[in-house]
Amino acid sequence: MLPHVEPTDLAASVDELLNNLGGAPLSMKAAIASLRATTGTERSDADLEGLITKKGTVSAVTILFDRESS
């Protein structure tokens, strides 16, 4: 069985999202919605949150964890 391949480079899409903030805090809920709309990813919210958190921390971005837990 072949591994699942994302339709776009999700990590690059997260980088672009973070770079376009202009110093504003990032809403996790809005970031996940934006990534789903622009990339078509099927990854879970928790997986996307982990990727955004990791990249946001490295970039010193303030993140608002406003996503409802399931």
C-alpha atoms as a PDB file:
ATOM      1  CA  MET A   1       0.000   0.000   0.000  1.00  0.00           C
ATOM      2  CA  LEU A   2       1.364   3.394  -0.960  1.00  0.00           C
ATOM      3  CA  PRO A   3       1.582   6.157   1.659  1.00  0.00           C
ATOM      4  CA  HIS A   4      -0.947   8.982   1.563  1.00  0.00           C
ATOM      5  CA  VAL A   5       0.402  11.973  -0.369  1.00  0.00           C
ATOM      6  CA  GLU A   6      -0.819  15.474   0.459  1.00  0.00           C
ATOM      7  CA  PRO A   7      -2.090  17.442  -2.571  1.00  0.00           C
ATOM      8  CA  THR A   8       0.201  20.360  -1.629  1.00  0.00           C
ATOM      9  CA  ASP A   9       3.206  20.873   0.620  1.00  0.00           C
ATOM     10  CA  LEU A  10       1.409  21.343   3.929  1.00  0.00           C
ATOM     11  CA  ALA A  11       4.525  22.449   5.811  1.00  0.00           C
ATOM     12  CA  ALA A  12       5.164  25.173   3.237  1.00  0.00           C
ATOM     13  CA  SER A  13       1.526  26.269   3.521  1.00  0.00           C
ATOM     14  CA  VAL A  14       1.909  26.597   7.308  1.00  0.00           C
ATOM     15  CA  ASP A  15       5.108  28.621   6.818  1.00  0.00           C
ATOM     16  CA  GLU A  16       3.297  30.943   4.414  1.00  0.00           C
ATOM     17  CA  LEU A  17       0.401  31.354   6.838  1.00  0.00           C
ATOM     18  CA  LEU A  18       2.791  32.240   9.677  1.00  0.00           C
ATOM     19  CA  ASN A  19       4.827  34.622   7.520  1.00  0.00           C
ATOM     20  CA  ASN A  20       1.701  36.566   6.526  1.00  0.00           C
ATOM     21  CA  LEU A  21       0.626  37.365  10.097  1.00  0.00           C
ATOM     22  CA  GLY A  22       2.570  40.605  10.389  1.00  0.00           C
ATOM     23  CA  GLY A  23       3.082  40.144  14.129  1.00  0.00           C
ATOM     24  CA  ALA A  24      -0.579  39.447  14.904  1.00  0.00           C
ATOM     25  CA  PRO A  25      -1.477  36.421  17.046  1.00  0.00           C
ATOM     26  CA  LEU A  26      -2.637  33.308  15.214  1.00  0.00           C
ATOM     27  CA  SER A  27      -6.040  31.769  15.913  1.00  0.00           C
ATOM     28  CA  MET A  28      -5.623  27.982  15.808  1.00  0.00           C
ATOM     29  CA  LYS A  29      -9.247  27.550  14.725  1.00  0.00           C
ATOM     30  CA  ALA A  30      -8.851  30.014  11.842  1.00  0.00           C
ATOM     31  CA  ALA A  31      -5.466  28.559  10.854  1.00  0.00           C
ATOM     32  CA  ILE A  32      -6.851  25.029  10.588  1.00  0.00           C
ATOM     33  CA  ALA A  33      -9.842  26.244   8.554  1.00  0.00           C
ATOM     34  CA  SER A  34      -7.536  28.189   6.255  1.00  0.00           C
ATOM     35  CA  LEU A  35      -5.238  25.210   5.715  1.00  0.00           C
ATOM     36  CA  ARG A  36      -8.175  22.942   4.923  1.00  0.00           C
ATOM     37  CA  ALA A  37      -9.530  25.457   2.416  1.00  0.00           C
ATOM     38  CA  THR A  38      -6.213  26.122   0.681  1.00  0.00           C
ATOM     39  CA  THR A  39      -4.625  22.669   0.731  1.00  0.00           C
ATOM     40  CA  GLY A  40      -7.520  20.212   0.836  1.00  0.00           C
ATOM     41  CA  THR A  41      -5.704  18.247   3.534  1.00  0.00           C
ATOM     42  CA  GLU A  42      -7.453  15.343   5.208  1.00  0.00           C
ATOM     43  CA  ARG A  43      -5.200  15.375   8.286  1.00  0.00           C
ATOM     44  CA  SER A  44      -6.906  15.509  11.665  1.00  0.00           C
ATOM     45  CA  ASP A  45      -7.319  18.791  13.528  1.00  0.00           C
ATOM     46  CA  ALA A  46      -4.967  17.482  16.220  1.00  0.00           C
ATOM     47  CA  ASP A  47      -2.279  16.694  13.638  1.00  0.00           C
ATOM     48  CA  LEU A  48      -2.614  20.119  12.046  1.00  0.00           C
ATOM     49  CA  GLU A  49      -2.523  21.753  15.488  1.00  0.00           C
ATOM     50  CA  GLY A  50       0.717  19.925  16.252  1.00  0.00           C
ATOM     51  CA  LEU A  51       2.349  21.066  13.011  1.00  0.00           C
ATOM     52  CA  ILE A  52       1.180  24.663  13.441  1.00  0.00           C
ATOM     53  CA  THR A  53       2.323  24.719  17.069  1.00  0.00           C
ATOM     54  CA  LYS A  54       5.758  23.335  16.236  1.00  0.00           C
ATOM     55  CA  LYS A  55       6.349  25.772  13.376  1.00  0.00           C
ATOM     56  CA  GLY A  56       4.798  28.691  15.250  1.00  0.00           C
ATOM     57  CA  THR A  57       7.031  28.110  18.265  1.00  0.00           C
ATOM     58  CA  VAL A  58      10.150  28.100  16.108  1.00  0.00           C
ATOM     59  CA  SER A  59       8.960  31.331  14.479  1.00  0.00           C
ATOM     60  CA  ALA A  60       8.066  32.926  17.864  1.00  0.00           C
ATOM     61  CA  VAL A  61       4.426  33.423  16.829  1.00  0.00           C
ATOM     62  CA  THR A  62       1.767  33.962  19.495  1.00  0.00           C
ATOM     63  CA  ILE A  63      -0.873  31.268  19.070  1.00  0.00           C
ATOM     64  CA  LEU A  64      -4.415  31.430  20.432  1.00  0.00           C
ATOM     65  CA  PHE A  65      -5.523  27.875  21.202  1.00  0.00           C
ATOM     66  CA  ASP A  66      -9.203  28.486  20.501  1.00  0.00           C
ATOM     67  CA  ARG A  67     -10.006  25.159  18.841  1.00  0.00           C
ATOM     68  CA  GLU A  68     -12.620  23.095  20.656  1.00  0.00           C
ATOM     69  CA  SER A  69     -11.268  19.740  21.790  1.00  0.00           C
ATOM     70  CA  SER A  70     -13.096  16.651  20.692  1.00  0.00           C
END
